[in-house]
Amino acid sequence: MLRTNQSFLAYVHELYDQQKRKEDITVKYFEKDELILSQDEEVNKVMLIKEGIVKCSLTEENGKEYILEFSGSGEIVGELENIRQVKALCSIEALTTVSVFSISRPYFNRLLEEDIKFNRFLIDVFAERIFNTSSRASYQQLYTVEESLNRLLELQAHQDIAISKENMAAYLGVSVRSLNRSLKSLLNKNE
């Protein structure tokens, strides 16, 4: 539910420290609730989350938001858009104060061409995303909303973050009204 990648973070931190003029990778900061990337906008940087938690969401044509995932330290955003040279697939919003390593497009492309270790990290990220997406889709098909909600509430407690009802509903793919019914059902079971 909350994806992190400490090995990738350590490697990019190493690349950052090795720079002579600190131009290829910079550090940027975002406040809670700040939009880091907007769906359908041009992407000119690749960012690796250094600290904090973000949500990655899509807004459909009908205006409904669907949260793909929550990401933390070591997760990368904007890489697909840079590889495919397309606009942002989704929006990235800071749920906490966030710092990122911001990688310039030319340097990112050079890493793709020349750095096998960086490529292995990216391949691992892509494989993990496919695995997680498949697992989440099957879980949502096979289990009740209450069971998925229970997992989300455990994540919230474990990470000590507050996830709004709107974000919970968007992550579970249900309306806020359905979420409220599920919350009530969980409360009744726990009494």
N, C-alpha and C. Protein backbone atom coordinates (compact mmCIF):
# COMPACT_ATOMS: atom_id res chain seq x y z
N MET A 1 0.82 -1.20 0.00
CA MET A 1 0.00 0.00 0.00
C MET A 1 0.87 1.26 0.00
N LEU A 2 1.91 1.28 0.81
CA LEU A 2 2.88 2.38 0.76
C LEU A 2 4.17 1.81 0.21
N ARG A 3 4.53 2.27 -0.97
CA ARG A 3 5.72 1.74 -1.62
C ARG A 3 6.93 2.59 -1.27
N THR A 4 8.03 1.92 -0.96
CA THR A 4 9.31 2.58 -0.71
C THR A 4 10.40 1.75 -1.39
N ASN A 5 11.58 2.36 -1.56
CA ASN A 5 12.68 1.65 -2.20
C ASN A 5 14.00 2.24 -1.67
N GLN A 6 14.43 1.74 -0.52
CA GLN A 6 15.61 2.30 0.14
C GLN A 6 16.90 2.09 -0.65
N SER A 7 17.01 1.00 -1.39
CA SER A 7 18.21 0.74 -2.18
C SER A 7 18.36 1.75 -3.31
N PHE A 8 17.25 2.04 -3.99
CA PHE A 8 17.28 3.02 -5.07
C PHE A 8 17.60 4.40 -4.50
N LEU A 9 16.99 4.73 -3.37
CA LEU A 9 17.26 6.01 -2.71
C LEU A 9 18.75 6.14 -2.39
N ALA A 10 19.34 5.10 -1.83
CA ALA A 10 20.77 5.14 -1.48
C ALA A 10 21.63 5.35 -2.73
N TYR A 11 21.26 4.70 -3.84
CA TYR A 11 22.05 4.84 -5.06
C TYR A 11 21.96 6.26 -5.63
N VAL A 12 20.75 6.82 -5.68
CA VAL A 12 20.59 8.18 -6.20
C VAL A 12 21.27 9.17 -5.26
N HIS A 13 21.21 8.92 -3.97
CA HIS A 13 21.92 9.79 -3.01
C HIS A 13 23.42 9.77 -3.30
N GLU A 14 23.94 8.60 -3.62
CA GLU A 14 25.35 8.44 -3.98
C GLU A 14 25.66 9.24 -5.26
N LEU A 15 24.80 9.16 -6.27
CA LEU A 15 24.98 9.94 -7.50
C LEU A 15 24.96 11.43 -7.20
N TYR A 16 24.05 11.84 -6.33
CA TYR A 16 23.94 13.25 -5.93
C TYR A 16 25.23 13.72 -5.27
N ASP A 17 25.75 12.92 -4.35
CA ASP A 17 26.97 13.29 -3.63
C ASP A 17 28.19 13.35 -4.55
N GLN A 18 28.21 12.56 -5.62
CA GLN A 18 29.36 12.50 -6.54
C GLN A 18 29.41 13.68 -7.51
N GLN A 19 28.33 14.44 -7.62
CA GLN A 19 28.31 15.56 -8.55
C GLN A 19 29.32 16.63 -8.13
N LYS A 20 29.92 17.25 -9.12
CA LYS A 20 30.86 18.33 -8.81
C LYS A 20 30.13 19.66 -8.60
N ARG A 21 29.15 19.96 -9.47
CA ARG A 21 28.48 21.26 -9.40
C ARG A 21 27.01 21.17 -8.97
N LYS A 22 26.53 20.01 -8.66
CA LYS A 22 25.15 19.79 -8.17
C LYS A 22 24.08 20.37 -9.11
N GLU A 23 24.26 20.16 -10.43
CA GLU A 23 23.28 20.65 -11.39
C GLU A 23 22.41 19.54 -11.98
N ASP A 24 22.94 18.33 -12.07
CA ASP A 24 22.18 17.23 -12.68
C ASP A 24 21.10 16.71 -11.74
N ILE A 25 21.40 16.69 -10.46
CA ILE A 25 20.43 16.27 -9.44
C ILE A 25 20.40 17.37 -8.38
N THR A 26 19.21 17.91 -8.14
CA THR A 26 19.04 18.92 -7.09
C THR A 26 18.03 18.39 -6.07
N VAL A 27 17.95 19.05 -4.94
CA VAL A 27 16.96 18.68 -3.93
C VAL A 27 15.88 19.76 -3.92
N LYS A 28 14.62 19.32 -3.96
CA LYS A 28 13.48 20.24 -3.91
C LYS A 28 12.57 19.84 -2.76
N TYR A 29 11.82 20.81 -2.25
CA TYR A 29 10.95 20.59 -1.11
C TYR A 29 9.52 20.99 -1.46
N PHE A 30 8.57 20.22 -0.93
CA PHE A 30 7.15 20.49 -1.15
C PHE A 30 6.42 20.40 0.20
N GLU A 31 5.48 21.30 0.38
CA GLU A 31 4.67 21.31 1.60
C GLU A 31 3.51 20.32 1.48
N LYS A 32 2.98 19.92 2.62
CA LYS A 32 1.80 19.05 2.67
C LYS A 32 0.70 19.66 1.80
N ASP A 33 0.03 18.83 1.03
CA ASP A 33 -1.07 19.20 0.12
C ASP A 33 -0.62 19.92 -1.15
N GLU A 34 0.68 20.13 -1.32
CA GLU A 34 1.18 20.80 -2.52
C GLU A 34 1.19 19.81 -3.69
N LEU A 35 0.79 20.29 -4.85
CA LEU A 35 0.80 19.47 -6.06
C LEU A 35 2.22 19.47 -6.62
N ILE A 36 2.80 18.30 -6.72
CA ILE A 36 4.17 18.14 -7.21
C ILE A 36 4.17 18.01 -8.73
N LEU A 37 3.17 17.33 -9.24
CA LEU A 37 3.03 17.10 -10.68
C LEU A 37 1.54 17.02 -10.98
N SER A 38 1.12 17.65 -12.07
CA SER A 38 -0.29 17.63 -12.45
C SER A 38 -0.51 16.75 -13.67
N GLN A 39 -1.57 15.98 -13.61
CA GLN A 39 -1.94 15.12 -14.73
C GLN A 39 -2.04 15.96 -16.00
N ASP A 40 -1.51 15.43 -17.09
CA ASP A 40 -1.54 16.05 -18.42
C ASP A 40 -0.62 17.25 -18.60
N GLU A 41 0.26 17.52 -17.63
CA GLU A 41 1.22 18.62 -17.82
C GLU A 41 2.54 18.05 -18.35
N GLU A 42 3.34 18.92 -18.96
CA GLU A 42 4.66 18.53 -19.44
C GLU A 42 5.54 18.15 -18.25
N VAL A 43 6.33 17.11 -18.42
CA VAL A 43 7.24 16.65 -17.37
C VAL A 43 8.67 16.88 -17.85
N ASN A 44 9.41 17.72 -17.14
CA ASN A 44 10.78 17.99 -17.57
C ASN A 44 11.83 17.55 -16.56
N LYS A 45 11.39 16.89 -15.50
CA LYS A 45 12.29 16.35 -14.48
C LYS A 45 11.78 14.98 -14.06
N VAL A 46 12.70 14.17 -13.58
CA VAL A 46 12.35 12.91 -12.94
C VAL A 46 12.65 13.11 -11.47
N MET A 47 11.75 12.69 -10.60
CA MET A 47 11.95 12.91 -9.17
C MET A 47 11.95 11.60 -8.40
N LEU A 48 12.87 11.49 -7.47
CA LEU A 48 12.94 10.36 -6.57
C LEU A 48 12.66 10.90 -5.17
N ILE A 49 11.66 10.34 -4.51
CA ILE A 49 11.26 10.84 -3.20
C ILE A 49 12.36 10.55 -2.18
N LYS A 50 12.84 11.61 -1.56
CA LYS A 50 13.88 11.48 -0.54
C LYS A 50 13.23 11.22 0.82
N GLU A 51 12.26 12.04 1.17
CA GLU A 51 11.52 11.89 2.43
C GLU A 51 10.08 12.31 2.20
N GLY A 52 9.16 11.69 2.95
CA GLY A 52 7.76 12.06 2.89
C GLY A 52 6.92 11.04 2.15
N ILE A 53 5.62 11.35 2.06
CA ILE A 53 4.66 10.46 1.43
C ILE A 53 3.83 11.26 0.44
N VAL A 54 3.62 10.68 -0.75
CA VAL A 54 2.81 11.31 -1.79
C VAL A 54 1.70 10.35 -2.22
N LYS A 55 0.68 10.92 -2.84
CA LYS A 55 -0.33 10.08 -3.47
C LYS A 55 -0.24 10.32 -4.97
N CYS A 56 -0.41 9.23 -5.70
CA CYS A 56 -0.40 9.25 -7.15
C CYS A 56 -1.83 8.95 -7.59
N SER A 57 -2.46 9.89 -8.29
CA SER A 57 -3.87 9.71 -8.64
C SER A 57 -4.18 10.12 -10.07
N LEU A 58 -5.23 9.50 -10.58
CA LEU A 58 -5.77 9.83 -11.91
C LEU A 58 -7.13 10.46 -11.73
N THR A 59 -7.43 11.46 -12.52
CA THR A 59 -8.78 12.00 -12.55
C THR A 59 -9.37 11.60 -13.89
N GLU A 60 -10.46 10.86 -13.82
CA GLU A 60 -11.11 10.35 -15.03
C GLU A 60 -11.93 11.45 -15.71
N GLU A 61 -12.38 11.18 -16.92
CA GLU A 61 -13.16 12.15 -17.68
C GLU A 61 -14.42 12.58 -16.96
N ASN A 62 -14.97 11.70 -16.10
CA ASN A 62 -16.18 12.04 -15.35
C ASN A 62 -15.87 12.85 -14.10
N GLY A 63 -14.59 13.21 -13.90
CA GLY A 63 -14.19 14.04 -12.77
C GLY A 63 -13.85 13.26 -11.50
N LYS A 64 -14.02 11.95 -11.52
CA LYS A 64 -13.74 11.14 -10.34
C LYS A 64 -12.25 10.83 -10.24
N GLU A 65 -11.74 10.93 -9.02
CA GLU A 65 -10.34 10.66 -8.76
C GLU A 65 -10.16 9.20 -8.34
N TYR A 66 -9.09 8.59 -8.83
CA TYR A 66 -8.74 7.24 -8.42
C TYR A 66 -7.28 7.27 -8.01
N ILE A 67 -7.00 6.85 -6.78
CA ILE A 67 -5.62 6.83 -6.29
C ILE A 67 -4.97 5.51 -6.67
N LEU A 68 -3.90 5.61 -7.44
CA LEU A 68 -3.16 4.43 -7.87
C LEU A 68 -2.33 3.86 -6.73
N GLU A 69 -1.66 4.75 -5.99
CA GLU A 69 -0.80 4.28 -4.91
C GLU A 69 -0.37 5.43 -4.02
N PHE A 70 0.15 5.06 -2.87
CA PHE A 70 0.83 5.98 -1.98
C PHE A 70 2.30 5.61 -2.05
N SER A 71 3.16 6.61 -2.21
CA SER A 71 4.59 6.33 -2.36
C SER A 71 5.40 7.10 -1.33
N GLY A 72 6.51 6.48 -0.90
CA GLY A 72 7.39 7.09 0.07
C GLY A 72 8.82 7.12 -0.44
N SER A 73 9.75 7.19 0.47
CA SER A 73 11.16 7.37 0.14
C SER A 73 11.68 6.29 -0.80
N GLY A 74 12.41 6.74 -1.82
CA GLY A 74 13.00 5.84 -2.79
C GLY A 74 12.14 5.54 -3.99
N GLU A 75 10.93 6.05 -4.03
CA GLU A 75 10.07 5.83 -5.19
C GLU A 75 10.27 6.94 -6.20
N ILE A 76 10.19 6.57 -7.48
CA ILE A 76 10.49 7.49 -8.57
C ILE A 76 9.20 7.90 -9.28
N VAL A 77 9.15 9.17 -9.70
CA VAL A 77 8.00 9.68 -10.47
C VAL A 77 8.50 10.46 -11.67
N GLY A 78 7.76 10.40 -12.75
CA GLY A 78 8.09 11.13 -13.96
C GLY A 78 8.99 10.37 -14.92
N GLU A 79 9.42 9.17 -14.54
CA GLU A 79 10.34 8.40 -15.39
C GLU A 79 9.64 7.88 -16.63
N LEU A 80 8.41 7.38 -16.50
CA LEU A 80 7.69 6.86 -17.67
C LEU A 80 7.44 7.98 -18.68
N GLU A 81 7.04 9.12 -18.17
CA GLU A 81 6.76 10.26 -19.05
C GLU A 81 8.01 10.69 -19.80
N ASN A 82 9.16 10.67 -19.12
CA ASN A 82 10.41 11.04 -19.78
C ASN A 82 10.86 9.98 -20.77
N ILE A 83 10.71 8.73 -20.43
CA ILE A 83 11.11 7.66 -21.35
C ILE A 83 10.24 7.69 -22.61
N ARG A 84 8.94 7.86 -22.42
CA ARG A 84 8.01 7.83 -23.56
C ARG A 84 7.78 9.20 -24.18
N GLN A 85 8.29 10.25 -23.55
CA GLN A 85 8.13 11.63 -23.99
C GLN A 85 6.66 12.00 -24.15
N VAL A 86 5.92 11.78 -23.05
CA VAL A 86 4.49 12.10 -23.01
C VAL A 86 4.21 12.98 -21.80
N LYS A 87 3.02 13.54 -21.76
CA LYS A 87 2.60 14.36 -20.61
C LYS A 87 2.32 13.46 -19.41
N ALA A 88 2.20 14.07 -18.25
CA ALA A 88 2.02 13.34 -17.00
C ALA A 88 0.77 12.46 -17.04
N LEU A 89 0.96 11.20 -16.74
CA LEU A 89 -0.14 10.24 -16.68
C LEU A 89 -1.04 10.52 -15.49
N CYS A 90 -0.45 10.94 -14.38
CA CYS A 90 -1.22 11.15 -13.16
C CYS A 90 -0.72 12.37 -12.41
N SER A 91 -1.45 12.73 -11.36
CA SER A 91 -1.04 13.82 -10.48
C SER A 91 -0.33 13.24 -9.27
N ILE A 92 0.66 13.97 -8.77
CA ILE A 92 1.39 13.58 -7.58
C ILE A 92 1.20 14.71 -6.57
N GLU A 93 0.66 14.37 -5.39
CA GLU A 93 0.39 15.37 -4.36
C GLU A 93 1.06 14.96 -3.06
N ALA A 94 1.66 15.92 -2.38
CA ALA A 94 2.32 15.67 -1.10
C ALA A 94 1.27 15.46 0.00
N LEU A 95 1.33 14.32 0.68
CA LEU A 95 0.45 14.07 1.83
C LEU A 95 1.12 14.51 3.12
N THR A 96 2.44 14.62 3.09
CA THR A 96 3.24 15.13 4.21
C THR A 96 4.24 16.12 3.59
N THR A 97 5.07 16.73 4.40
CA THR A 97 6.17 17.50 3.85
C THR A 97 7.07 16.53 3.09
N VAL A 98 7.47 16.89 1.88
CA VAL A 98 8.20 15.99 1.00
C VAL A 98 9.46 16.67 0.49
N SER A 99 10.55 15.89 0.44
CA SER A 99 11.75 16.34 -0.27
C SER A 99 12.04 15.31 -1.35
N VAL A 100 12.55 15.79 -2.49
CA VAL A 100 12.83 14.91 -3.62
C VAL A 100 14.21 15.22 -4.19
N PHE A 101 14.80 14.21 -4.80
CA PHE A 101 15.94 14.42 -5.67
C PHE A 101 15.34 14.67 -7.05
N SER A 102 15.58 15.84 -7.61
CA SER A 102 15.06 16.20 -8.92
C SER A 102 16.18 16.00 -9.95
N ILE A 103 15.94 15.08 -10.88
CA ILE A 103 16.96 14.68 -11.86
C ILE A 103 16.63 15.33 -13.20
N SER A 104 17.59 16.07 -13.75
CA SER A 104 17.34 16.73 -15.04
C SER A 104 17.11 15.69 -16.13
N ARG A 105 16.34 16.06 -17.12
CA ARG A 105 16.03 15.15 -18.24
C ARG A 105 17.29 14.69 -18.96
N PRO A 106 18.24 15.58 -19.32
CA PRO A 106 19.44 15.11 -20.01
C PRO A 106 20.26 14.12 -19.17
N TYR A 107 20.35 14.37 -17.86
CA TYR A 107 21.12 13.46 -17.00
C TYR A 107 20.40 12.12 -16.86
N PHE A 108 19.07 12.16 -16.71
CA PHE A 108 18.29 10.93 -16.64
C PHE A 108 18.51 10.09 -17.90
N ASN A 109 18.45 10.74 -19.07
CA ASN A 109 18.67 10.02 -20.32
C ASN A 109 20.08 9.46 -20.42
N ARG A 110 21.06 10.20 -19.89
CA ARG A 110 22.44 9.70 -19.89
C ARG A 110 22.55 8.47 -18.98
N LEU A 111 21.88 8.51 -17.83
CA LEU A 111 21.89 7.35 -16.93
C LEU A 111 21.27 6.13 -17.62
N LEU A 112 20.20 6.35 -18.38
CA LEU A 112 19.57 5.25 -19.11
C LEU A 112 20.52 4.65 -20.13
N GLU A 113 21.30 5.49 -20.77
CA GLU A 113 22.24 5.03 -21.80
C GLU A 113 23.50 4.39 -21.23
N GLU A 114 23.97 4.87 -20.06
CA GLU A 114 25.31 4.50 -19.62
C GLU A 114 25.40 3.75 -18.29
N ASP A 115 24.36 3.79 -17.47
CA ASP A 115 24.48 3.26 -16.10
C ASP A 115 23.63 2.00 -15.92
N ILE A 116 24.29 0.85 -15.98
CA ILE A 116 23.57 -0.44 -15.88
C ILE A 116 22.91 -0.61 -14.51
N LYS A 117 23.56 -0.14 -13.46
CA LYS A 117 22.99 -0.26 -12.11
C LYS A 117 21.69 0.55 -12.00
N PHE A 118 21.70 1.76 -12.54
CA PHE A 118 20.50 2.60 -12.55
C PHE A 118 19.38 1.89 -13.32
N ASN A 119 19.72 1.32 -14.47
CA ASN A 119 18.74 0.59 -15.28
C ASN A 119 18.15 -0.60 -14.53
N ARG A 120 18.99 -1.30 -13.79
CA ARG A 120 18.48 -2.44 -13.01
C ARG A 120 17.49 -1.97 -11.95
N PHE A 121 17.79 -0.84 -11.32
CA PHE A 121 16.84 -0.30 -10.34
C PHE A 121 15.52 0.04 -11.02
N LEU A 122 15.57 0.66 -12.19
CA LEU A 122 14.34 1.01 -12.91
C LEU A 122 13.55 -0.22 -13.31
N ILE A 123 14.22 -1.23 -13.82
CA ILE A 123 13.53 -2.47 -14.20
C ILE A 123 12.85 -3.08 -12.98
N ASP A 124 13.53 -3.05 -11.84
CA ASP A 124 12.95 -3.57 -10.61
C ASP A 124 11.71 -2.76 -10.20
N VAL A 125 11.77 -1.44 -10.36
CA VAL A 125 10.62 -0.58 -10.06
C VAL A 125 9.44 -0.97 -10.94
N PHE A 126 9.69 -1.13 -12.24
CA PHE A 126 8.61 -1.48 -13.17
C PHE A 126 8.01 -2.84 -12.83
N ALA A 127 8.86 -3.80 -12.54
CA ALA A 127 8.38 -5.15 -12.19
C ALA A 127 7.55 -5.10 -10.91
N GLU A 128 8.01 -4.35 -9.93
CA GLU A 128 7.29 -4.22 -8.66
C GLU A 128 5.92 -3.58 -8.88
N ARG A 129 5.86 -2.57 -9.72
CA ARG A 129 4.58 -1.91 -10.01
C ARG A 129 3.59 -2.87 -10.66
N ILE A 130 4.06 -3.65 -11.62
CA ILE A 130 3.19 -4.63 -12.27
C ILE A 130 2.68 -5.64 -11.26
N PHE A 131 3.59 -6.14 -10.43
CA PHE A 131 3.21 -7.10 -9.40
C PHE A 131 2.18 -6.50 -8.44
N ASN A 132 2.45 -5.29 -7.94
CA ASN A 132 1.54 -4.64 -6.99
C ASN A 132 0.19 -4.33 -7.60
N THR A 133 0.18 -3.87 -8.85
CA THR A 133 -1.08 -3.56 -9.51
C THR A 133 -1.92 -4.83 -9.68
N SER A 134 -1.28 -5.90 -10.08
CA SER A 134 -2.00 -7.17 -10.24
C SER A 134 -2.55 -7.67 -8.91
N SER A 135 -1.71 -7.62 -7.88
CA SER A 135 -2.13 -8.07 -6.55
C SER A 135 -3.28 -7.24 -6.02
N ARG A 136 -3.18 -5.92 -6.19
CA ARG A 136 -4.23 -5.03 -5.69
C ARG A 136 -5.53 -5.27 -6.44
N ALA A 137 -5.46 -5.42 -7.76
CA ALA A 137 -6.67 -5.65 -8.55
C ALA A 137 -7.35 -6.95 -8.13
N SER A 138 -6.56 -7.99 -7.95
CA SER A 138 -7.17 -9.27 -7.55
C SER A 138 -7.73 -9.18 -6.14
N TYR A 139 -7.04 -8.49 -5.25
CA TYR A 139 -7.52 -8.36 -3.87
C TYR A 139 -8.86 -7.62 -3.86
N GLN A 140 -8.96 -6.54 -4.66
CA GLN A 140 -10.20 -5.77 -4.68
C GLN A 140 -11.34 -6.55 -5.31
N GLN A 141 -11.02 -7.49 -6.18
CA GLN A 141 -12.06 -8.32 -6.78
C GLN A 141 -12.51 -9.44 -5.84
N LEU A 142 -11.58 -9.96 -5.04
CA LEU A 142 -11.86 -11.14 -4.24
C LEU A 142 -12.31 -10.85 -2.81
N TYR A 143 -12.04 -9.66 -2.31
CA TYR A 143 -12.36 -9.33 -0.92
C TYR A 143 -13.32 -8.16 -0.85
N THR A 144 -13.96 -8.03 0.28
CA THR A 144 -14.94 -6.96 0.47
C THR A 144 -14.23 -5.62 0.65
N VAL A 145 -15.00 -4.56 0.49
CA VAL A 145 -14.46 -3.21 0.71
C VAL A 145 -14.01 -3.08 2.16
N GLU A 146 -14.73 -3.73 3.08
CA GLU A 146 -14.36 -3.65 4.49
C GLU A 146 -12.97 -4.23 4.74
N GLU A 147 -12.65 -5.33 4.07
CA GLU A 147 -11.33 -5.94 4.25
C GLU A 147 -10.23 -5.05 3.67
N SER A 148 -10.49 -4.46 2.51
CA SER A 148 -9.51 -3.53 1.92
C SER A 148 -9.38 -2.28 2.79
N LEU A 149 -10.49 -1.81 3.31
CA LEU A 149 -10.48 -0.64 4.19
C LEU A 149 -9.68 -0.93 5.45
N ASN A 150 -9.85 -2.12 6.00
CA ASN A 150 -9.11 -2.50 7.20
C ASN A 150 -7.60 -2.44 6.95
N ARG A 151 -7.15 -2.91 5.80
CA ARG A 151 -5.73 -2.84 5.44
C ARG A 151 -5.26 -1.39 5.32
N LEU A 152 -6.10 -0.55 4.75
CA LEU A 152 -5.77 0.87 4.59
C LEU A 152 -5.68 1.56 5.96
N LEU A 153 -6.59 1.22 6.85
CA LEU A 153 -6.56 1.79 8.20
C LEU A 153 -5.31 1.35 8.97
N GLU A 154 -4.89 0.10 8.74
CA GLU A 154 -3.65 -0.40 9.36
C GLU A 154 -2.45 0.38 8.84
N LEU A 155 -2.41 0.64 7.54
CA LEU A 155 -1.34 1.43 6.95
C LEU A 155 -1.30 2.81 7.58
N GLN A 156 -2.47 3.42 7.69
CA GLN A 156 -2.57 4.76 8.27
C GLN A 156 -2.02 4.78 9.69
N ALA A 157 -2.38 3.80 10.47
CA ALA A 157 -1.91 3.73 11.86
C ALA A 157 -0.41 3.44 11.91
N HIS A 158 0.05 2.52 11.08
CA HIS A 158 1.47 2.14 11.07
C HIS A 158 2.36 3.30 10.64
N GLN A 159 1.92 4.08 9.66
CA GLN A 159 2.72 5.20 9.15
C GLN A 159 2.46 6.49 9.92
N ASP A 160 1.49 6.47 10.83
CA ASP A 160 1.13 7.64 11.63
C ASP A 160 0.81 8.84 10.73
N ILE A 161 -0.05 8.58 9.72
CA ILE A 161 -0.51 9.65 8.84
C ILE A 161 -2.02 9.67 8.85
N ALA A 162 -2.56 10.82 8.50
CA ALA A 162 -4.02 10.95 8.40
C ALA A 162 -4.40 10.93 6.92
N ILE A 163 -5.23 9.98 6.54
CA ILE A 163 -5.72 9.89 5.17
C ILE A 163 -7.19 10.31 5.21
N SER A 164 -7.54 11.32 4.44
CA SER A 164 -8.91 11.82 4.44
C SER A 164 -9.88 10.76 3.91
N LYS A 165 -11.14 10.91 4.25
CA LYS A 165 -12.16 9.98 3.75
C LYS A 165 -12.21 10.02 2.22
N GLU A 166 -12.03 11.21 1.65
CA GLU A 166 -12.05 11.33 0.19
C GLU A 166 -10.92 10.52 -0.42
N ASN A 167 -9.71 10.60 0.18
CA ASN A 167 -8.57 9.85 -0.33
C ASN A 167 -8.75 8.34 -0.12
N MET A 168 -9.31 7.96 1.02
CA MET A 168 -9.57 6.54 1.25
C MET A 168 -10.53 5.99 0.19
N ALA A 169 -11.61 6.73 -0.05
CA ALA A 169 -12.61 6.30 -1.03
C ALA A 169 -11.98 6.22 -2.42
N ALA A 170 -11.15 7.21 -2.77
CA ALA A 170 -10.51 7.22 -4.09
C ALA A 170 -9.53 6.06 -4.23
N TYR A 171 -8.86 5.70 -3.16
CA TYR A 171 -7.92 4.57 -3.21
C TYR A 171 -8.67 3.25 -3.36
N LEU A 172 -9.79 3.13 -2.67
CA LEU A 172 -10.58 1.90 -2.72
C LEU A 172 -11.49 1.81 -3.94
N GLY A 173 -11.63 2.93 -4.66
CA GLY A 173 -12.48 2.93 -5.86
C GLY A 173 -13.96 2.91 -5.53
N VAL A 174 -14.33 3.54 -4.41
CA VAL A 174 -15.74 3.59 -4.00
C VAL A 174 -16.12 5.04 -3.71
N SER A 175 -17.41 5.28 -3.54
CA SER A 175 -17.87 6.62 -3.17
C SER A 175 -17.64 6.84 -1.68
N VAL A 176 -17.65 8.10 -1.26
CA VAL A 176 -17.51 8.40 0.17
C VAL A 176 -18.68 7.80 0.94
N ARG A 177 -19.84 7.79 0.34
CA ARG A 177 -21.02 7.19 0.98
C ARG A 177 -20.80 5.70 1.25
N SER A 178 -20.27 4.98 0.25
CA SER A 178 -19.96 3.55 0.44
C SER A 178 -18.89 3.36 1.50
N LEU A 179 -17.90 4.25 1.49
CA LEU A 179 -16.84 4.19 2.50
C LEU A 179 -17.44 4.35 3.90
N ASN A 180 -18.34 5.30 4.07
CA ASN A 180 -18.97 5.52 5.38
C ASN A 180 -19.74 4.29 5.84
N ARG A 181 -20.43 3.63 4.91
CA ARG A 181 -21.14 2.39 5.27
C ARG A 181 -20.15 1.32 5.73
N SER A 182 -19.03 1.22 5.02
CA SER A 182 -18.00 0.22 5.38
C SER A 182 -17.36 0.55 6.73
N LEU A 183 -17.10 1.83 6.98
CA LEU A 183 -16.55 2.24 8.28
C LEU A 183 -17.52 1.89 9.41
N LYS A 184 -18.80 2.16 9.18
CA LYS A 184 -19.82 1.83 10.17
C LYS A 184 -19.87 0.33 10.42
N SER A 185 -19.79 -0.45 9.35
CA SER A 185 -19.80 -1.90 9.46
C SER A 185 -18.60 -2.40 10.27
N LEU A 186 -17.42 -1.83 10.00
CA LEU A 186 -16.22 -2.21 10.75
C LEU A 186 -16.35 -1.86 12.24
N LEU A 187 -16.90 -0.68 12.51
CA LEU A 187 -17.11 -0.27 13.91
C LEU A 187 -18.05 -1.24 14.63
N ASN A 188 -19.14 -1.61 13.94
CA ASN A 188 -20.09 -2.55 14.54
C ASN A 188 -19.46 -3.92 14.81
N LYS A 189 -18.58 -4.38 13.92
CA LYS A 189 -17.91 -5.67 14.13
C LYS A 189 -16.94 -5.63 15.30
N ASN A 190 -16.33 -4.45 15.52
CA ASN A 190 -15.33 -4.31 16.58
C ASN A 190 -15.94 -4.03 17.95
N GLU A 191 -17.25 -3.82 18.02
CA GLU A 191 -17.89 -3.54 19.31
C GLU A 191 -18.22 -4.79 20.06
